[in-house]
Amino acid sequence: MVPFYWCGDGNLYTLMWPLRFISHGEQL
């Protein structure tokens, strides 16, 4: 997870993505 400043609306968001395959039922 990383913070991301979006110039489109001048707001700060967080981006989240998987680092490896995460199977069904597995905790993030």
PDB file of all heavy atoms in Angstrom:
ATOM      1  N   MET A   1       0.853  -1.184   0.000  1.00  0.00           N
ATOM      2  CA  MET A   1       0.000   0.000   0.000  1.00  0.00           C
ATOM      3  C   MET A   1       0.889   1.234   0.000  1.00  0.00           C
ATOM      4  O   MET A   1       1.852   1.304   0.766  1.00  0.00           O
ATOM      5  CB  MET A   1      -0.920   0.006   1.226  1.00  0.00           C
ATOM      6  CG  MET A   1      -1.871  -1.168   1.288  1.00  0.00           C
ATOM      7  SD  MET A   1      -2.777  -1.261   2.869  1.00  0.00           S
ATOM      8  CE  MET A   1      -3.794   0.205   2.753  1.00  0.00           C
ATOM      9  N   VAL A   2       0.562   2.213  -0.863  1.00  0.00           N
ATOM     10  CA  VAL A   2       1.345   3.443  -0.940  1.00  0.00           C
ATOM     11  C   VAL A   2       0.393   4.628  -1.108  1.00  0.00           C
ATOM     12  O   VAL A   2      -0.671   4.501  -1.716  1.00  0.00           O
ATOM     13  CB  VAL A   2       2.343   3.421  -2.121  1.00  0.00           C
ATOM     14  CG1 VAL A   2       3.365   2.313  -1.958  1.00  0.00           C
ATOM     15  CG2 VAL A   2       1.626   3.312  -3.450  1.00  0.00           C
ATOM     16  N   PRO A   3       0.768   5.803  -0.574  1.00  0.00           N
ATOM     17  CA  PRO A   3      -0.046   7.005  -0.822  1.00  0.00           C
ATOM     18  C   PRO A   3       0.169   7.488  -2.248  1.00  0.00           C
ATOM     19  O   PRO A   3       1.245   7.295  -2.839  1.00  0.00           O
ATOM     20  CB  PRO A   3       0.512   8.015   0.191  1.00  0.00           C
ATOM     21  CG  PRO A   3       1.922   7.580   0.410  1.00  0.00           C
ATOM     22  CD  PRO A   3       1.932   6.091   0.302  1.00  0.00           C
ATOM     23  N   PHE A   4      -0.873   8.104  -2.817  1.00  0.00           N
ATOM     24  CA  PHE A   4      -0.780   8.571  -4.197  1.00  0.00           C
ATOM     25  C   PHE A   4      -1.571   9.862  -4.355  1.00  0.00           C
ATOM     26  O   PHE A   4      -2.768   9.914  -4.040  1.00  0.00           O
ATOM     27  CB  PHE A   4      -1.322   7.511  -5.162  1.00  0.00           C
ATOM     28  CG  PHE A   4      -1.079   7.845  -6.610  1.00  0.00           C
ATOM     29  CD1 PHE A   4       0.138   7.567  -7.205  1.00  0.00           C
ATOM     30  CD2 PHE A   4      -2.073   8.448  -7.381  1.00  0.00           C
ATOM     31  CE1 PHE A   4       0.376   7.883  -8.532  1.00  0.00           C
ATOM     32  CE2 PHE A   4      -1.850   8.768  -8.711  1.00  0.00           C
ATOM     33  CZ  PHE A   4      -0.618   8.485  -9.287  1.00  0.00           C
ATOM     34  N   TYR A   5      -0.884  10.906  -4.816  1.00  0.00           N
ATOM     35  CA  TYR A   5      -1.545  12.188  -5.047  1.00  0.00           C
ATOM     36  C   TYR A   5      -2.083  12.224  -6.478  1.00  0.00           C
ATOM     37  O   TYR A   5      -1.331  12.135  -7.438  1.00  0.00           O
ATOM     38  CB  TYR A   5      -0.568  13.344  -4.832  1.00  0.00           C
ATOM     39  CG  TYR A   5      -1.209  14.695  -5.045  1.00  0.00           C
ATOM     40  CD1 TYR A   5      -1.936  15.301  -4.027  1.00  0.00           C
ATOM     41  CD2 TYR A   5      -1.102  15.352  -6.271  1.00  0.00           C
ATOM     42  CE1 TYR A   5      -2.546  16.531  -4.224  1.00  0.00           C
ATOM     43  CE2 TYR A   5      -1.704  16.580  -6.469  1.00  0.00           C
ATOM     44  CZ  TYR A   5      -2.423  17.161  -5.451  1.00  0.00           C
ATOM     45  OH  TYR A   5      -3.028  18.375  -5.644  1.00  0.00           O
ATOM     46  N   TRP A   6      -3.413  12.352  -6.608  1.00  0.00           N
ATOM     47  CA  TRP A   6      -4.078  12.358  -7.910  1.00  0.00           C
ATOM     48  C   TRP A   6      -4.344  13.800  -8.309  1.00  0.00           C
ATOM     49  O   TRP A   6      -5.120  14.524  -7.676  1.00  0.00           O
ATOM     50  CB  TRP A   6      -5.367  11.546  -7.812  1.00  0.00           C
ATOM     51  CG  TRP A   6      -6.424  11.704  -8.867  1.00  0.00           C
ATOM     52  CD1 TRP A   6      -7.755  11.853  -8.649  1.00  0.00           C
ATOM     53  CD2 TRP A   6      -6.259  11.678 -10.280  1.00  0.00           C
ATOM     54  NE1 TRP A   6      -8.437  11.937  -9.834  1.00  0.00           N
ATOM     55  CE2 TRP A   6      -7.533  11.824 -10.869  1.00  0.00           C
ATOM     56  CE3 TRP A   6      -5.150  11.564 -11.126  1.00  0.00           C
ATOM     57  CZ2 TRP A   6      -7.750  11.856 -12.241  1.00  0.00           C
ATOM     58  CZ3 TRP A   6      -5.358  11.593 -12.508  1.00  0.00           C
ATOM     59  CH2 TRP A   6      -6.633  11.730 -13.049  1.00  0.00           C
ATOM     60  N   CYS A   7      -3.674  14.237  -9.377  1.00  0.00           N
ATOM     61  CA  CYS A   7      -3.790  15.621  -9.816  1.00  0.00           C
ATOM     62  C   CYS A   7      -5.183  15.932 -10.351  1.00  0.00           C
ATOM     63  O   CYS A   7      -5.551  17.106 -10.477  1.00  0.00           O
ATOM     64  CB  CYS A   7      -2.751  15.914 -10.893  1.00  0.00           C
ATOM     65  SG  CYS A   7      -1.055  15.869 -10.293  1.00  0.00           S
ATOM     66  N   GLY A   8      -5.951  14.903 -10.680  1.00  0.00           N
ATOM     67  CA  GLY A   8      -7.269  15.121 -11.234  1.00  0.00           C
ATOM     68  C   GLY A   8      -8.198  15.868 -10.301  1.00  0.00           C
ATOM     69  O   GLY A   8      -8.975  16.711 -10.737  1.00  0.00           O
ATOM     70  N   ASP A   9      -8.145  15.562  -9.016  1.00  0.00           N
ATOM     71  CA  ASP A   9      -9.010  16.265  -8.066  1.00  0.00           C
ATOM     72  C   ASP A   9      -8.233  16.857  -6.898  1.00  0.00           C
ATOM     73  O   ASP A   9      -8.821  17.400  -5.968  1.00  0.00           O
ATOM     74  CB  ASP A   9     -10.107  15.333  -7.539  1.00  0.00           C
ATOM     75  CG  ASP A   9      -9.559  14.094  -6.843  1.00  0.00           C
ATOM     76  OD1 ASP A   9      -8.337  14.036  -6.601  1.00  0.00           O
ATOM     77  OD2 ASP A   9     -10.352  13.182  -6.542  1.00  0.00           O
ATOM     78  N   GLY A  10      -6.906  16.756  -6.941  1.00  0.00           N
ATOM     79  CA  GLY A  10      -6.098  17.325  -5.876  1.00  0.00           C
ATOM     80  C   GLY A  10      -6.206  16.609  -4.557  1.00  0.00           C
ATOM     81  O   GLY A  10      -5.928  17.183  -3.511  1.00  0.00           O
ATOM     82  N   ASN A  11      -6.593  15.319  -4.586  1.00  0.00           N
ATOM     83  CA  ASN A  11      -6.757  14.553  -3.357  1.00  0.00           C
ATOM     84  C   ASN A  11      -5.712  13.455  -3.253  1.00  0.00           C
ATOM     85  O   ASN A  11      -5.127  13.022  -4.250  1.00  0.00           O
ATOM     86  CB  ASN A  11      -8.159  13.930  -3.298  1.00  0.00           C
ATOM     87  CG  ASN A  11      -9.221  14.970  -3.006  1.00  0.00           C
ATOM     88  OD1 ASN A  11      -8.987  15.932  -2.287  1.00  0.00           O
ATOM     89  ND2 ASN A  11     -10.397  14.778  -3.588  1.00  0.00           N
ATOM     90  N   LEU A  12      -5.530  13.013  -2.016  1.00  0.00           N
ATOM     91  CA  LEU A  12      -4.598  11.926  -1.734  1.00  0.00           C
ATOM     92  C   LEU A  12      -5.371  10.634  -1.539  1.00  0.00           C
ATOM     93  O   LEU A  12      -6.389  10.599  -0.849  1.00  0.00           O
ATOM     94  CB  LEU A  12      -3.800  12.251  -0.471  1.00  0.00           C
ATOM     95  CG  LEU A  12      -2.570  11.395  -0.178  1.00  0.00           C
ATOM     96  CD1 LEU A  12      -1.471  11.658  -1.203  1.00  0.00           C
ATOM     97  CD2 LEU A  12      -2.033  11.715   1.228  1.00  0.00           C
ATOM     98  N   TYR A  13      -4.896   9.574  -2.178  1.00  0.00           N
ATOM     99  CA  TYR A  13      -5.498   8.254  -2.060  1.00  0.00           C
ATOM    100  C   TYR A  13      -4.409   7.256  -1.659  1.00  0.00           C
ATOM    101  O   TYR A  13      -3.229   7.601  -1.550  1.00  0.00           O
ATOM    102  CB  TYR A  13      -6.114   7.820  -3.392  1.00  0.00           C
ATOM    103  CG  TYR A  13      -7.241   8.702  -3.871  1.00  0.00           C
ATOM    104  CD1 TYR A  13      -6.985   9.819  -4.670  1.00  0.00           C
ATOM    105  CD2 TYR A  13      -8.568   8.419  -3.540  1.00  0.00           C
ATOM    106  CE1 TYR A  13      -8.009  10.642  -5.111  1.00  0.00           C
ATOM    107  CE2 TYR A  13      -9.606   9.230  -3.984  1.00  0.00           C
ATOM    108  CZ  TYR A  13      -9.319  10.343  -4.765  1.00  0.00           C
ATOM    109  OH  TYR A  13     -10.342  11.140  -5.202  1.00  0.00           O
ATOM    110  N   THR A  14      -4.829   6.018  -1.464  1.00  0.00           N
ATOM    111  CA  THR A  14      -3.883   4.923  -1.272  1.00  0.00           C
ATOM    112  C   THR A  14      -4.095   3.907  -2.380  1.00  0.00           C
ATOM    113  O   THR A  14      -5.237   3.591  -2.734  1.00  0.00           O
ATOM    114  CB  THR A  14      -4.077   4.257   0.105  1.00  0.00           C
ATOM    115  OG1 THR A  14      -3.668   5.174   1.126  1.00  0.00           O
ATOM    116  CG2 THR A  14      -3.248   2.985   0.229  1.00  0.00           C
ATOM    117  N   LEU A  15      -2.989   3.426  -2.943  1.00  0.00           N
ATOM    118  CA  LEU A  15      -3.039   2.348  -3.929  1.00  0.00           C
ATOM    119  C   LEU A  15      -2.649   1.053  -3.237  1.00  0.00           C
ATOM    120  O   LEU A  15      -1.699   1.017  -2.447  1.00  0.00           O
ATOM    121  CB  LEU A  15      -2.074   2.618  -5.090  1.00  0.00           C
ATOM    122  CG  LEU A  15      -2.246   3.945  -5.844  1.00  0.00           C
ATOM    123  CD1 LEU A  15      -1.223   4.032  -6.974  1.00  0.00           C
ATOM    124  CD2 LEU A  15      -3.663   4.080  -6.388  1.00  0.00           C
ATOM    125  N   MET A  16      -3.378  -0.018  -3.537  1.00  0.00           N
ATOM    126  CA  MET A  16      -3.078  -1.326  -2.953  1.00  0.00           C
ATOM    127  C   MET A  16      -3.075  -2.371  -4.058  1.00  0.00           C
ATOM    128  O   MET A  16      -3.973  -2.408  -4.890  1.00  0.00           O
ATOM    129  CB  MET A  16      -4.122  -1.672  -1.895  1.00  0.00           C
ATOM    130  CG  MET A  16      -3.833  -2.973  -1.131  1.00  0.00           C
ATOM    131  SD  MET A  16      -4.574  -4.448  -1.910  1.00  0.00           S
ATOM    132  CE  MET A  16      -6.300  -4.181  -1.540  1.00  0.00           C
ATOM    133  N   TRP A  17      -2.035  -3.222  -4.085  1.00  0.00           N
ATOM    134  CA  TRP A  17      -1.970  -4.296  -5.083  1.00  0.00           C
ATOM    135  C   TRP A  17      -1.255  -5.510  -4.481  1.00  0.00           C
ATOM    136  O   TRP A  17      -0.483  -5.377  -3.532  1.00  0.00           O
ATOM    137  CB  TRP A  17      -1.247  -3.810  -6.348  1.00  0.00           C
ATOM    138  CG  TRP A  17       0.221  -3.535  -6.208  1.00  0.00           C
ATOM    139  CD1 TRP A  17       1.240  -4.398  -6.450  1.00  0.00           C
ATOM    140  CD2 TRP A  17       0.833  -2.309  -5.767  1.00  0.00           C
ATOM    141  NE1 TRP A  17       2.438  -3.794  -6.205  1.00  0.00           N
ATOM    142  CE2 TRP A  17       2.226  -2.515  -5.807  1.00  0.00           C
ATOM    143  CE3 TRP A  17       0.335  -1.058  -5.368  1.00  0.00           C
ATOM    144  CZ2 TRP A  17       3.127  -1.518  -5.437  1.00  0.00           C
ATOM    145  CZ3 TRP A  17       1.240  -0.068  -5.007  1.00  0.00           C
ATOM    146  CH2 TRP A  17       2.610  -0.305  -5.036  1.00  0.00           C
ATOM    147  N   PRO A  18      -1.500  -6.713  -5.026  1.00  0.00           N
ATOM    148  CA  PRO A  18      -0.861  -7.927  -4.495  1.00  0.00           C
ATOM    149  C   PRO A  18       0.593  -8.030  -4.935  1.00  0.00           C
ATOM    150  O   PRO A  18       0.941  -7.684  -6.070  1.00  0.00           O
ATOM    151  CB  PRO A  18      -1.703  -9.060  -5.095  1.00  0.00           C
ATOM    152  CG  PRO A  18      -2.257  -8.472  -6.352  1.00  0.00           C
ATOM    153  CD  PRO A  18      -2.480  -7.014  -6.075  1.00  0.00           C
ATOM    154  N   LEU A  19       1.419  -8.514  -4.056  1.00  0.00           N
ATOM    155  CA  LEU A  19       2.828  -8.738  -4.370  1.00  0.00           C
ATOM    156  C   LEU A  19       3.063 -10.147  -4.909  1.00  0.00           C
ATOM    157  O   LEU A  19       4.075 -10.397  -5.574  1.00  0.00           O
ATOM    158  CB  LEU A  19       3.676  -8.527  -3.115  1.00  0.00           C
ATOM    159  CG  LEU A  19       3.701  -7.102  -2.551  1.00  0.00           C
ATOM    160  CD1 LEU A  19       4.440  -7.076  -1.213  1.00  0.00           C
ATOM    161  CD2 LEU A  19       4.353  -6.133  -3.526  1.00  0.00           C
ATOM    162  N   ARG A  20       2.165 -11.039  -4.608  1.00  0.00           N
ATOM    163  CA  ARG A  20       2.237 -12.423  -5.098  1.00  0.00           C
ATOM    164  C   ARG A  20       0.812 -12.935  -5.229  1.00  0.00           C
ATOM    165  O   ARG A  20      -0.153 -12.239  -4.890  1.00  0.00           O
ATOM    166  CB  ARG A  20       3.039 -13.305  -4.132  1.00  0.00           C
ATOM    167  CG  ARG A  20       2.467 -13.349  -2.726  1.00  0.00           C
ATOM    168  CD  ARG A  20       3.163 -14.402  -1.887  1.00  0.00           C
ATOM    169  NE  ARG A  20       2.688 -14.407  -0.505  1.00  0.00           N
ATOM    170  CZ  ARG A  20       1.561 -14.980  -0.089  1.00  0.00           C
ATOM    171  NH1 ARG A  20       0.744 -15.592  -0.979  1.00  0.00           N
ATOM    172  NH2 ARG A  20       1.217 -14.969   1.186  1.00  0.00           N
ATOM    173  N   PHE A  21       0.661 -14.135  -5.754  1.00  0.00           N
ATOM    174  CA  PHE A  21      -0.681 -14.698  -5.889  1.00  0.00           C
ATOM    175  C   PHE A  21      -1.269 -14.938  -4.484  1.00  0.00           C
ATOM    176  O   PHE A  21      -0.621 -15.502  -3.601  1.00  0.00           O
ATOM    177  CB  PHE A  21      -0.637 -16.020  -6.650  1.00  0.00           C
ATOM    178  CG  PHE A  21      -1.996 -16.630  -6.813  1.00  0.00           C
ATOM    179  CD1 PHE A  21      -2.889 -16.154  -7.767  1.00  0.00           C
ATOM    180  CD2 PHE A  21      -2.401 -17.674  -5.983  1.00  0.00           C
ATOM    181  CE1 PHE A  21      -4.149 -16.715  -7.897  1.00  0.00           C
ATOM    182  CE2 PHE A  21      -3.660 -18.232  -6.116  1.00  0.00           C
ATOM    183  CZ  PHE A  21      -4.542 -17.742  -7.080  1.00  0.00           C
ATOM    184  N   ILE A  22      -2.503 -14.482  -4.273  1.00  0.00           N
ATOM    185  CA  ILE A  22      -3.192 -14.655  -2.994  1.00  0.00           C
ATOM    186  C   ILE A  22      -4.428 -15.507  -3.261  1.00  0.00           C
ATOM    187  O   ILE A  22      -5.321 -15.115  -4.020  1.00  0.00           O
ATOM    188  CB  ILE A  22      -3.609 -13.296  -2.392  1.00  0.00           C
ATOM    189  CG1 ILE A  22      -2.409 -12.340  -2.340  1.00  0.00           C
ATOM    190  CG2 ILE A  22      -4.181 -13.492  -0.989  1.00  0.00           C
ATOM    191  CD1 ILE A  22      -2.759 -10.930  -1.882  1.00  0.00           C
ATOM    192  N   SER A  23      -4.448 -16.665  -2.667  1.00  0.00           N
ATOM    193  CA  SER A  23      -5.517 -17.625  -2.957  1.00  0.00           C
ATOM    194  C   SER A  23      -6.815 -17.276  -2.233  1.00  0.00           C
ATOM    195  O   SER A  23      -6.830 -16.467  -1.299  1.00  0.00           O
ATOM    196  CB  SER A  23      -5.066 -19.027  -2.559  1.00  0.00           C
ATOM    197  OG  SER A  23      -4.767 -19.076  -1.176  1.00  0.00           O
ATOM    198  N   HIS A  24      -7.889 -17.913  -2.656  1.00  0.00           N
ATOM    199  CA  HIS A  24      -9.210 -17.707  -2.055  1.00  0.00           C
ATOM    200  C   HIS A  24      -9.163 -18.042  -0.553  1.00  0.00           C
ATOM    201  O   HIS A  24      -8.637 -19.077  -0.140  1.00  0.00           O
ATOM    202  CB  HIS A  24     -10.241 -18.598  -2.753  1.00  0.00           C
ATOM    203  CG  HIS A  24     -11.580 -18.571  -2.103  1.00  0.00           C
ATOM    204  ND1 HIS A  24     -12.041 -19.586  -1.291  1.00  0.00           N
ATOM    205  CD2 HIS A  24     -12.553 -17.627  -2.115  1.00  0.00           C
ATOM    206  CE1 HIS A  24     -13.236 -19.290  -0.853  1.00  0.00           C
ATOM    207  NE2 HIS A  24     -13.587 -18.112  -1.340  1.00  0.00           N
ATOM    208  N   GLY A  25      -9.698 -17.128   0.262  1.00  0.00           N
ATOM    209  CA  GLY A  25      -9.726 -17.339   1.709  1.00  0.00           C
ATOM    210  C   GLY A  25      -8.481 -16.881   2.432  1.00  0.00           C
ATOM    211  O   GLY A  25      -8.460 -16.835   3.669  1.00  0.00           O
ATOM    212  N   GLU A  26      -7.428 -16.547   1.690  1.00  0.00           N
ATOM    213  CA  GLU A  26      -6.190 -16.110   2.328  1.00  0.00           C
ATOM    214  C   GLU A  26      -6.319 -14.654   2.786  1.00  0.00           C
ATOM    215  O   GLU A  26      -6.894 -13.810   2.102  1.00  0.00           O
ATOM    216  CB  GLU A  26      -5.013 -16.239   1.358  1.00  0.00           C
ATOM    217  CG  GLU A  26      -3.660 -15.968   2.005  1.00  0.00           C
ATOM    218  CD  GLU A  26      -2.496 -16.181   1.045  1.00  0.00           C
ATOM    219  OE1 GLU A  26      -2.736 -16.670  -0.089  1.00  0.00           O
ATOM    220  OE2 GLU A  26      -1.358 -15.855   1.419  1.00  0.00           O
ATOM    221  N   GLN A  27      -5.761 -14.363   3.958  1.00  0.00           N
ATOM    222  CA  GLN A  27      -5.837 -13.024   4.526  1.00  0.00           C
ATOM    223  C   GLN A  27      -4.887 -12.075   3.810  1.00  0.00           C
ATOM    224  O   GLN A  27      -3.759 -12.436   3.470  1.00  0.00           O
ATOM    225  CB  GLN A  27      -5.494 -13.073   6.014  1.00  0.00           C
ATOM    226  CG  GLN A  27      -5.677 -11.760   6.758  1.00  0.00           C
ATOM    227  CD  GLN A  27      -5.272 -11.865   8.207  1.00  0.00           C
ATOM    228  OE1 GLN A  27      -4.110 -11.622   8.562  1.00  0.00           O
ATOM    229  NE2 GLN A  27      -6.219 -12.239   9.058  1.00  0.00           N
ATOM    230  N   LEU A  28      -5.345 -10.843   3.577  1.00  0.00           N
ATOM    231  CA  LEU A  28      -4.477  -9.806   3.012  1.00  0.00           C
ATOM    232  C   LEU A  28      -3.608  -9.222   4.122  1.00  0.00           C
ATOM    233  O   LEU A  28      -4.089  -8.920   5.217  1.00  0.00           O
ATOM    234  CB  LEU A  28      -5.309  -8.694   2.374  1.00  0.00           C
ATOM    235  CG  LEU A  28      -5.674  -8.845   0.893  1.00  0.00           C
ATOM    236  CD1 LEU A  28      -6.523 -10.086   0.677  1.00  0.00           C
ATOM    237  CD2 LEU A  28      -6.384  -7.605   0.379  1.00  0.00           C
TER     238      LEU A  28
END
